[in-house]
Amino acid sequence: MNAITITSKGQITLRKELLRHLGVHPGEKISIDKLPGGEVRIRAVRPTGKISDAFGMLKREGRKSLSIEEINEITAKGWAGEL
């Protein structure tokens, strides 16, 4: 068992070894569940959903989709400063 010191602000720091075991990296989240008897369970929060959930999120009602040729033309004009 590894002992962790609690700071004066009531915070703890988890060692890299433990974070690697959880499979989490900076910026990711963990969840902590309170269990009976003063115990806690720490788990990595994994993203939910599917990539297909993002399909169509930029689609606007009443506007047609652009072809790749139209997108390329608009991009070229933007880079040329014509927009």
PDB file of N, CA and C in Angstrom:
ATOM      1  N   MET A   1       0.849  -1.183   0.000  1.00  0.00           N
ATOM      2  CA  MET A   1       0.000   0.000   0.000  1.00  0.00           C
ATOM      3  C   MET A   1       0.889   1.239   0.000  1.00  0.00           C
ATOM      4  N   ASN A   2       0.554   2.182  -0.845  1.00  0.00           N
ATOM      5  CA  ASN A   2       1.280   3.450  -0.897  1.00  0.00           C
ATOM      6  C   ASN A   2       0.502   4.498  -0.115  1.00  0.00           C
ATOM      7  N   ALA A   3       1.167   5.166   0.794  1.00  0.00           N
ATOM      8  CA  ALA A   3       0.533   6.236   1.559  1.00  0.00           C
ATOM      9  C   ALA A   3       0.687   7.545   0.802  1.00  0.00           C
ATOM     10  N   ILE A   4      -0.356   8.364   0.819  1.00  0.00           N
ATOM     11  CA  ILE A   4      -0.349   9.663   0.157  1.00  0.00           C
ATOM     12  C   ILE A   4      -0.591  10.721   1.221  1.00  0.00           C
ATOM     13  N   THR A   5       0.189  11.793   1.190  1.00  0.00           N
ATOM     14  CA  THR A   5       0.060  12.871   2.167  1.00  0.00           C
ATOM     15  C   THR A   5      -0.992  13.866   1.697  1.00  0.00           C
ATOM     16  N   ILE A   6      -1.818  14.300   2.611  1.00  0.00           N
ATOM     17  CA  ILE A   6      -2.845  15.300   2.321  1.00  0.00           C
ATOM     18  C   ILE A   6      -2.267  16.669   2.637  1.00  0.00           C
ATOM     19  N   THR A   7      -2.413  17.618   1.698  1.00  0.00           N
ATOM     20  CA  THR A   7      -1.881  18.964   1.898  1.00  0.00           C
ATOM     21  C   THR A   7      -2.767  19.743   2.862  1.00  0.00           C
ATOM     22  N   SER A   8      -2.302  20.918   3.261  1.00  0.00           N
ATOM     23  CA  SER A   8      -3.080  21.770   4.158  1.00  0.00           C
ATOM     24  C   SER A   8      -4.377  22.235   3.496  1.00  0.00           C
ATOM     25  N   LYS A   9      -4.430  22.194   2.163  1.00  0.00           N
ATOM     26  CA  LYS A   9      -5.645  22.573   1.432  1.00  0.00           C
ATOM     27  C   LYS A   9      -6.584  21.385   1.234  1.00  0.00           C
ATOM     28  N   GLY A  10      -6.210  20.216   1.767  1.00  0.00           N
ATOM     29  CA  GLY A  10      -7.046  19.029   1.643  1.00  0.00           C
ATOM     30  C   GLY A  10      -6.903  18.340   0.294  1.00  0.00           C
ATOM     31  N   GLN A  11      -5.802  18.580  -0.389  1.00  0.00           N
ATOM     32  CA  GLN A  11      -5.585  17.997  -1.707  1.00  0.00           C
ATOM     33  C   GLN A  11      -4.576  16.859  -1.630  1.00  0.00           C
ATOM     34  N   ILE A  12      -4.643  15.981  -2.639  1.00  0.00           N
ATOM     35  CA  ILE A  12      -3.668  14.906  -2.752  1.00  0.00           C
ATOM     36  C   ILE A  12      -3.090  14.925  -4.163  1.00  0.00           C
ATOM     37  N   THR A  13      -1.933  14.324  -4.322  1.00  0.00           N
ATOM     38  CA  THR A  13      -1.315  14.164  -5.631  1.00  0.00           C
ATOM     39  C   THR A  13      -1.173  12.683  -5.889  1.00  0.00           C
ATOM     40  N   LEU A  14      -1.687  12.233  -7.032  1.00  0.00           N
ATOM     41  CA  LEU A  14      -1.558  10.825  -7.387  1.00  0.00           C
ATOM     42  C   LEU A  14      -0.248  10.625  -8.146  1.00  0.00           C
ATOM     43  N   ARG A  15       0.473   9.608  -7.784  1.00  0.00           N
ATOM     44  CA  ARG A  15       1.762   9.334  -8.410  1.00  0.00           C
ATOM     45  C   ARG A  15       1.581   8.905  -9.865  1.00  0.00           C
ATOM     46  N   LYS A  16       2.619   9.174 -10.681  1.00  0.00           N
ATOM     47  CA  LYS A  16       2.583   8.817 -12.098  1.00  0.00           C
ATOM     48  C   LYS A  16       2.282   7.344 -12.297  1.00  0.00           C
ATOM     49  N   GLU A  17       2.844   6.526 -11.429  1.00  0.00           N
ATOM     50  CA  GLU A  17       2.631   5.082 -11.515  1.00  0.00           C
ATOM     51  C   GLU A  17       1.135   4.740 -11.453  1.00  0.00           C
ATOM     52  N   LEU A  18       0.423   5.392 -10.546  1.00  0.00           N
ATOM     53  CA  LEU A  18      -1.010   5.161 -10.396  1.00  0.00           C
ATOM     54  C   LEU A  18      -1.780   5.706 -11.600  1.00  0.00           C
ATOM     55  N   LEU A  19      -1.400   6.882 -12.084  1.00  0.00           N
ATOM     56  CA  LEU A  19      -2.063   7.463 -13.255  1.00  0.00           C
ATOM     57  C   LEU A  19      -1.851   6.591 -14.483  1.00  0.00           C
ATOM     58  N   ARG A  20      -0.653   6.022 -14.635  1.00  0.00           N
ATOM     59  CA  ARG A  20      -0.388   5.104 -15.745  1.00  0.00           C
ATOM     60  C   ARG A  20      -1.269   3.861 -15.616  1.00  0.00           C
ATOM     61  N   HIS A  21      -1.404   3.374 -14.387  1.00  0.00           N
ATOM     62  CA  HIS A  21      -2.253   2.200 -14.147  1.00  0.00           C
ATOM     63  C   HIS A  21      -3.700   2.489 -14.546  1.00  0.00           C
ATOM     64  N   LEU A  22      -4.164   3.696 -14.260  1.00  0.00           N
ATOM     65  CA  LEU A  22      -5.525   4.101 -14.637  1.00  0.00           C
ATOM     66  C   LEU A  22      -5.638   4.379 -16.131  1.00  0.00           C
ATOM     67  N   GLY A  23      -4.500   4.631 -16.777  1.00  0.00           N
ATOM     68  CA  GLY A  23      -4.513   4.945 -18.206  1.00  0.00           C
ATOM     69  C   GLY A  23      -4.969   6.356 -18.505  1.00  0.00           C
ATOM     70  N   VAL A  24      -4.698   7.287 -17.579  1.00  0.00           N
ATOM     71  CA  VAL A  24      -5.110   8.679 -17.791  1.00  0.00           C
ATOM     72  C   VAL A  24      -3.893   9.562 -18.031  1.00  0.00           C
ATOM     73  N   HIS A  25      -4.146  10.650 -18.731  1.00  0.00           N
ATOM     74  CA  HIS A  25      -3.106  11.609 -19.092  1.00  0.00           C
ATOM     75  C   HIS A  25      -3.553  13.004 -18.658  1.00  0.00           C
ATOM     76  N   PRO A  26      -2.638  13.977 -18.618  1.00  0.00           N
ATOM     77  CA  PRO A  26      -3.018  15.336 -18.228  1.00  0.00           C
ATOM     78  C   PRO A  26      -4.213  15.836 -19.037  1.00  0.00           C
ATOM     79  N   GLY A  27      -5.155  16.443 -18.342  1.00  0.00           N
ATOM     80  CA  GLY A  27      -6.359  16.974 -18.978  1.00  0.00           C
ATOM     81  C   GLY A  27      -7.527  16.006 -18.989  1.00  0.00           C
ATOM     82  N   GLU A  28      -7.269  14.719 -18.738  1.00  0.00           N
ATOM     83  CA  GLU A  28      -8.352  13.741 -18.707  1.00  0.00           C
ATOM     84  C   GLU A  28      -8.957  13.707 -17.300  1.00  0.00           C
ATOM     85  N   LYS A  29     -10.075  13.016 -17.179  1.00  0.00           N
ATOM     86  CA  LYS A  29     -10.804  13.020 -15.917  1.00  0.00           C
ATOM     87  C   LYS A  29     -10.810  11.645 -15.264  1.00  0.00           C
ATOM     88  N   ILE A  30     -10.942  11.659 -13.938  1.00  0.00           N
ATOM     89  CA  ILE A  30     -11.153  10.443 -13.173  1.00  0.00           C
ATOM     90  C   ILE A  30     -12.407  10.645 -12.344  1.00  0.00           C
ATOM     91  N   SER A  31     -13.054   9.541 -11.981  1.00  0.00           N
ATOM     92  CA  SER A  31     -14.213   9.638 -11.095  1.00  0.00           C
ATOM     93  C   SER A  31     -13.863   8.957  -9.780  1.00  0.00           C
ATOM     94  N   ILE A  32     -14.435   9.464  -8.713  1.00  0.00           N
ATOM     95  CA  ILE A  32     -14.200   8.908  -7.385  1.00  0.00           C
ATOM     96  C   ILE A  32     -15.557   8.589  -6.773  1.00  0.00           C
ATOM     97  N   ASP A  33     -15.759   7.322  -6.434  1.00  0.00           N
ATOM     98  CA  ASP A  33     -17.007   6.879  -5.819  1.00  0.00           C
ATOM     99  C   ASP A  33     -16.756   6.591  -4.347  1.00  0.00           C
ATOM    100  N   LYS A  34     -17.644   7.088  -3.486  1.00  0.00           N
ATOM    101  CA  LYS A  34     -17.550   6.798  -2.058  1.00  0.00           C
ATOM    102  C   LYS A  34     -18.169   5.434  -1.792  1.00  0.00           C
ATOM    103  N   LEU A  35     -17.448   4.604  -1.060  1.00  0.00           N
ATOM    104  CA  LEU A  35     -17.913   3.277  -0.689  1.00  0.00           C
ATOM    105  C   LEU A  35     -18.079   3.218   0.818  1.00  0.00           C
ATOM    106  N   PRO A  36     -18.816   2.244   1.317  1.00  0.00           N
ATOM    107  CA  PRO A  36     -18.975   2.115   2.770  1.00  0.00           C
ATOM    108  C   PRO A  36     -17.630   1.881   3.457  1.00  0.00           C
ATOM    109  N   GLY A  37     -17.566   2.261   4.702  1.00  0.00           N
ATOM    110  CA  GLY A  37     -16.377   2.006   5.502  1.00  0.00           C
ATOM    111  C   GLY A  37     -15.238   2.971   5.240  1.00  0.00           C
ATOM    112  N   GLY A  38     -15.534   4.128   4.672  1.00  0.00           N
ATOM    113  CA  GLY A  38     -14.493   5.124   4.447  1.00  0.00           C
ATOM    114  C   GLY A  38     -13.586   4.812   3.264  1.00  0.00           C
ATOM    115  N   GLU A  39     -14.013   3.934   2.365  1.00  0.00           N
ATOM    116  CA  GLU A  39     -13.220   3.610   1.186  1.00  0.00           C
ATOM    117  C   GLU A  39     -13.734   4.382  -0.026  1.00  0.00           C
ATOM    118  N   VAL A  40     -12.848   4.541  -1.007  1.00  0.00           N
ATOM    119  CA  VAL A  40     -13.237   5.173  -2.265  1.00  0.00           C
ATOM    120  C   VAL A  40     -12.754   4.310  -3.424  1.00  0.00           C
ATOM    121  N   ARG A  41     -13.418   4.452  -4.555  1.00  0.00           N
ATOM    122  CA  ARG A  41     -13.009   3.771  -5.785  1.00  0.00           C
ATOM    123  C   ARG A  41     -12.670   4.848  -6.805  1.00  0.00           C
ATOM    124  N   ILE A  42     -11.475   4.763  -7.389  1.00  0.00           N
ATOM    125  CA  ILE A  42     -11.022   5.727  -8.394  1.00  0.00           C
ATOM    126  C   ILE A  42     -11.000   5.019  -9.742  1.00  0.00           C
ATOM    127  N   ARG A  43     -11.675   5.628 -10.738  1.00  0.00           N
ATOM    128  CA  ARG A  43     -11.702   5.051 -12.080  1.00  0.00           C
ATOM    129  C   ARG A  43     -11.474   6.146 -13.113  1.00  0.00           C
ATOM    130  N   ALA A  44     -10.905   5.761 -14.236  1.00  0.00           N
ATOM    131  CA  ALA A  44     -10.743   6.691 -15.351  1.00  0.00           C
ATOM    132  C   ALA A  44     -12.112   6.903 -15.994  1.00  0.00           C
ATOM    133  N   VAL A  45     -12.403   8.151 -16.359  1.00  0.00           N
ATOM    134  CA  VAL A  45     -13.632   8.459 -17.081  1.00  0.00           C
ATOM    135  C   VAL A  45     -13.326   8.282 -18.558  1.00  0.00           C
ATOM    136  N   ARG A  46     -14.046   7.383 -19.199  1.00  0.00           N
ATOM    137  CA  ARG A  46     -13.834   7.110 -20.611  1.00  0.00           C
ATOM    138  C   ARG A  46     -14.892   7.826 -21.445  1.00  0.00           C
ATOM    139  N   PRO A  47     -14.476   8.395 -22.583  1.00  0.00           N
ATOM    140  CA  PRO A  47     -15.449   9.068 -23.446  1.00  0.00           C
ATOM    141  C   PRO A  47     -16.522   8.091 -23.915  1.00  0.00           C
ATOM    142  N   THR A  48     -17.719   8.602 -24.053  1.00  0.00           N
ATOM    143  CA  THR A  48     -18.812   7.780 -24.548  1.00  0.00           C
ATOM    144  C   THR A  48     -19.250   8.312 -25.904  1.00  0.00           C
ATOM    145  N   GLY A  49     -19.998   7.544 -26.609  1.00  0.00           N
ATOM    146  CA  GLY A  49     -20.493   7.957 -27.910  1.00  0.00           C
ATOM    147  C   GLY A  49     -19.699   7.325 -29.037  1.00  0.00           C
ATOM    148  N   LYS A  50     -20.151   7.631 -30.244  1.00  0.00           N
ATOM    149  CA  LYS A  50     -19.527   7.077 -31.439  1.00  0.00           C
ATOM    150  C   LYS A  50     -19.117   8.227 -32.348  1.00  0.00           C
ATOM    151  N   ILE A  51     -18.154   7.980 -33.218  1.00  0.00           N
ATOM    152  CA  ILE A  51     -17.724   9.002 -34.163  1.00  0.00           C
ATOM    153  C   ILE A  51     -18.884   9.405 -35.066  1.00  0.00           C
ATOM    154  N   SER A  52     -19.772   8.479 -35.345  1.00  0.00           N
ATOM    155  CA  SER A  52     -20.902   8.790 -36.225  1.00  0.00           C
ATOM    156  C   SER A  52     -21.848   9.817 -35.593  1.00  0.00           C
ATOM    157  N   ASP A  53     -21.769  10.014 -34.269  1.00  0.00           N
ATOM    158  CA  ASP A  53     -22.587  11.035 -33.619  1.00  0.00           C
ATOM    159  C   ASP A  53     -22.214  12.437 -34.100  1.00  0.00           C
ATOM    160  N   ALA A  54     -20.992  12.608 -34.599  1.00  0.00           N
ATOM    161  CA  ALA A  54     -20.539  13.926 -35.054  1.00  0.00           C
ATOM    162  C   ALA A  54     -20.960  14.220 -36.490  1.00  0.00           C
ATOM    163  N   PHE A  55     -21.346  13.195 -37.235  1.00  0.00           N
ATOM    164  CA  PHE A  55     -21.728  13.401 -38.630  1.00  0.00           C
ATOM    165  C   PHE A  55     -22.944  14.323 -38.708  1.00  0.00           C
ATOM    166  N   GLY A  56     -22.868  15.323 -39.561  1.00  0.00           N
ATOM    167  CA  GLY A  56     -23.985  16.218 -39.785  1.00  0.00           C
ATOM    168  C   GLY A  56     -24.123  17.332 -38.765  1.00  0.00           C
ATOM    169  N   MET A  57     -23.192  17.448 -37.821  1.00  0.00           N
ATOM    170  CA  MET A  57     -23.353  18.463 -36.783  1.00  0.00           C
ATOM    171  C   MET A  57     -23.185  19.883 -37.317  1.00  0.00           C
ATOM    172  N   LEU A  58     -22.553  20.046 -38.475  1.00  0.00           N
ATOM    173  CA  LEU A  58     -22.387  21.373 -39.056  1.00  0.00           C
ATOM    174  C   LEU A  58     -23.440  21.686 -40.119  1.00  0.00           C
ATOM    175  N   LYS A  59     -24.312  20.738 -40.386  1.00  0.00           N
ATOM    176  CA  LYS A  59     -25.335  20.924 -41.400  1.00  0.00           C
ATOM    177  C   LYS A  59     -26.356  21.952 -40.922  1.00  0.00           C
ATOM    178  N   ARG A  60     -26.706  22.849 -41.842  1.00  0.00           N
ATOM    179  CA  ARG A  60     -27.687  23.890 -41.519  1.00  0.00           C
ATOM    180  C   ARG A  60     -28.967  23.648 -42.303  1.00  0.00           C
ATOM    181  N   GLU A  61     -30.077  23.863 -41.650  1.00  0.00           N
ATOM    182  CA  GLU A  61     -31.378  23.712 -42.298  1.00  0.00           C
ATOM    183  C   GLU A  61     -31.500  24.698 -43.459  1.00  0.00           C
ATOM    184  N   GLY A  62     -32.010  24.236 -44.570  1.00  0.00           N
ATOM    185  CA  GLY A  62     -32.268  25.117 -45.701  1.00  0.00           C
ATOM    186  C   GLY A  62     -31.046  25.452 -46.535  1.00  0.00           C
ATOM    187  N   ARG A  63     -29.882  24.885 -46.244  1.00  0.00           N
ATOM    188  CA  ARG A  63     -28.672  25.158 -47.025  1.00  0.00           C
ATOM    189  C   ARG A  63     -28.150  23.848 -47.586  1.00  0.00           C
ATOM    190  N   LYS A  64     -27.819  23.876 -48.870  1.00  0.00           N
ATOM    191  CA  LYS A  64     -27.307  22.657 -49.500  1.00  0.00           C
ATOM    192  C   LYS A  64     -25.865  22.415 -49.082  1.00  0.00           C
ATOM    193  N   SER A  65     -25.467  21.160 -49.164  1.00  0.00           N
ATOM    194  CA  SER A  65     -24.074  20.806 -48.872  1.00  0.00           C
ATOM    195  C   SER A  65     -23.193  21.240 -50.032  1.00  0.00           C
ATOM    196  N   LEU A  66     -21.966  21.627 -49.742  1.00  0.00           N
ATOM    197  CA  LEU A  66     -21.032  22.037 -50.783  1.00  0.00           C
ATOM    198  C   LEU A  66     -20.274  20.825 -51.313  1.00  0.00           C
ATOM    199  N   SER A  67     -19.966  20.863 -52.590  1.00  0.00           N
ATOM    200  CA  SER A  67     -19.131  19.806 -53.175  1.00  0.00           C
ATOM    201  C   SER A  67     -17.674  20.097 -52.812  1.00  0.00           C
ATOM    202  N   ILE A  68     -16.815  19.114 -52.990  1.00  0.00           N
ATOM    203  CA  ILE A  68     -15.399  19.319 -52.694  1.00  0.00           C
ATOM    204  C   ILE A  68     -14.813  20.390 -53.604  1.00  0.00           C
ATOM    205  N   GLU A  69     -15.302  20.461 -54.832  1.00  0.00           N
ATOM    206  CA  GLU A  69     -14.823  21.483 -55.763  1.00  0.00           C
ATOM    207  C   GLU A  69     -15.190  22.883 -55.267  1.00  0.00           C
ATOM    208  N   GLU A  70     -16.425  23.045 -54.770  1.00  0.00           N
ATOM    209  CA  GLU A  70     -16.852  24.338 -54.233  1.00  0.00           C
ATOM    210  C   GLU A  70     -16.042  24.713 -52.996  1.00  0.00           C
ATOM    211  N   ILE A  71     -15.782  23.741 -52.147  1.00  0.00           N
ATOM    212  CA  ILE A  71     -14.982  23.995 -50.942  1.00  0.00           C
ATOM    213  C   ILE A  71     -13.574  24.425 -51.331  1.00  0.00           C
ATOM    214  N   ASN A  72     -12.969  23.730 -52.307  1.00  0.00           N
ATOM    215  CA  ASN A  72     -11.622  24.082 -52.766  1.00  0.00           C
ATOM    216  C   ASN A  72     -11.588  25.488 -53.361  1.00  0.00           C
ATOM    217  N   GLU A  73     -12.611  25.841 -54.127  1.00  0.00           N
ATOM    218  CA  GLU A  73     -12.672  27.181 -54.739  1.00  0.00           C
ATOM    219  C   GLU A  73     -12.775  28.267 -53.669  1.00  0.00           C
ATOM    220  N   ILE A  74     -13.625  28.062 -52.684  1.00  0.00           N
ATOM    221  CA  ILE A  74     -13.785  29.030 -51.592  1.00  0.00           C
ATOM    222  C   ILE A  74     -12.483  29.144 -50.800  1.00  0.00           C
ATOM    223  N   THR A  75     -11.840  28.013 -50.546  1.00  0.00           N
ATOM    224  CA  THR A  75     -10.572  28.021 -49.810  1.00  0.00           C
ATOM    225  C   THR A  75      -9.500  28.791 -50.568  1.00  0.00           C
ATOM    226  N   ALA A  76      -9.412  28.547 -51.861  1.00  0.00           N
ATOM    227  CA  ALA A  76      -8.414  29.237 -52.693  1.00  0.00           C
ATOM    228  C   ALA A  76      -8.648  30.745 -52.685  1.00  0.00           C
ATOM    229  N   LYS A  77      -9.905  31.158 -52.792  1.00  0.00           N
ATOM    230  CA  LYS A  77     -10.225  32.582 -52.756  1.00  0.00           C
ATOM    231  C   LYS A  77      -9.869  33.192 -51.396  1.00  0.00           C
ATOM    232  N   GLY A  78     -10.124  32.433 -50.332  1.00  0.00           N
ATOM    233  CA  GLY A  78      -9.781  32.927 -48.995  1.00  0.00           C
ATOM    234  C   GLY A  78      -8.286  33.126 -48.829  1.00  0.00           C
ATOM    235  N   TRP A  79      -7.494  32.169 -49.284  1.00  0.00           N
ATOM    236  CA  TRP A  79      -6.036  32.276 -49.193  1.00  0.00           C
ATOM    237  C   TRP A  79      -5.519  33.409 -50.064  1.00  0.00           C
ATOM    238  N   ALA A  80      -6.218  33.670 -51.181  1.00  0.00           N
ATOM    239  CA  ALA A  80      -5.779  34.747 -52.093  1.00  0.00           C
ATOM    240  C   ALA A  80      -6.252  36.118 -51.615  1.00  0.00           C
ATOM    241  N   GLY A  81      -7.026  36.143 -50.534  1.00  0.00           N
ATOM    242  CA  GLY A  81      -7.523  37.407 -49.997  1.00  0.00           C
ATOM    243  C   GLY A  81      -8.688  37.981 -50.771  1.00  0.00           C
ATOM    244  N   GLU A  82      -9.380  37.140 -51.523  1.00  0.00           N
ATOM    245  CA  GLU A  82     -10.496  37.610 -52.340  1.00  0.00           C
ATOM    246  C   GLU A  82     -11.834  37.557 -51.608  1.00  0.00           C
ATOM    247  N   LEU A  83     -11.855  37.060 -50.403  1.00  0.00           N
ATOM    248  CA  LEU A  83     -13.112  37.002 -49.644  1.00  0.00           C
ATOM    249  C   LEU A  83     -13.134  38.019 -48.537  1.00  0.00           C
TER     250      LEU A  83
END
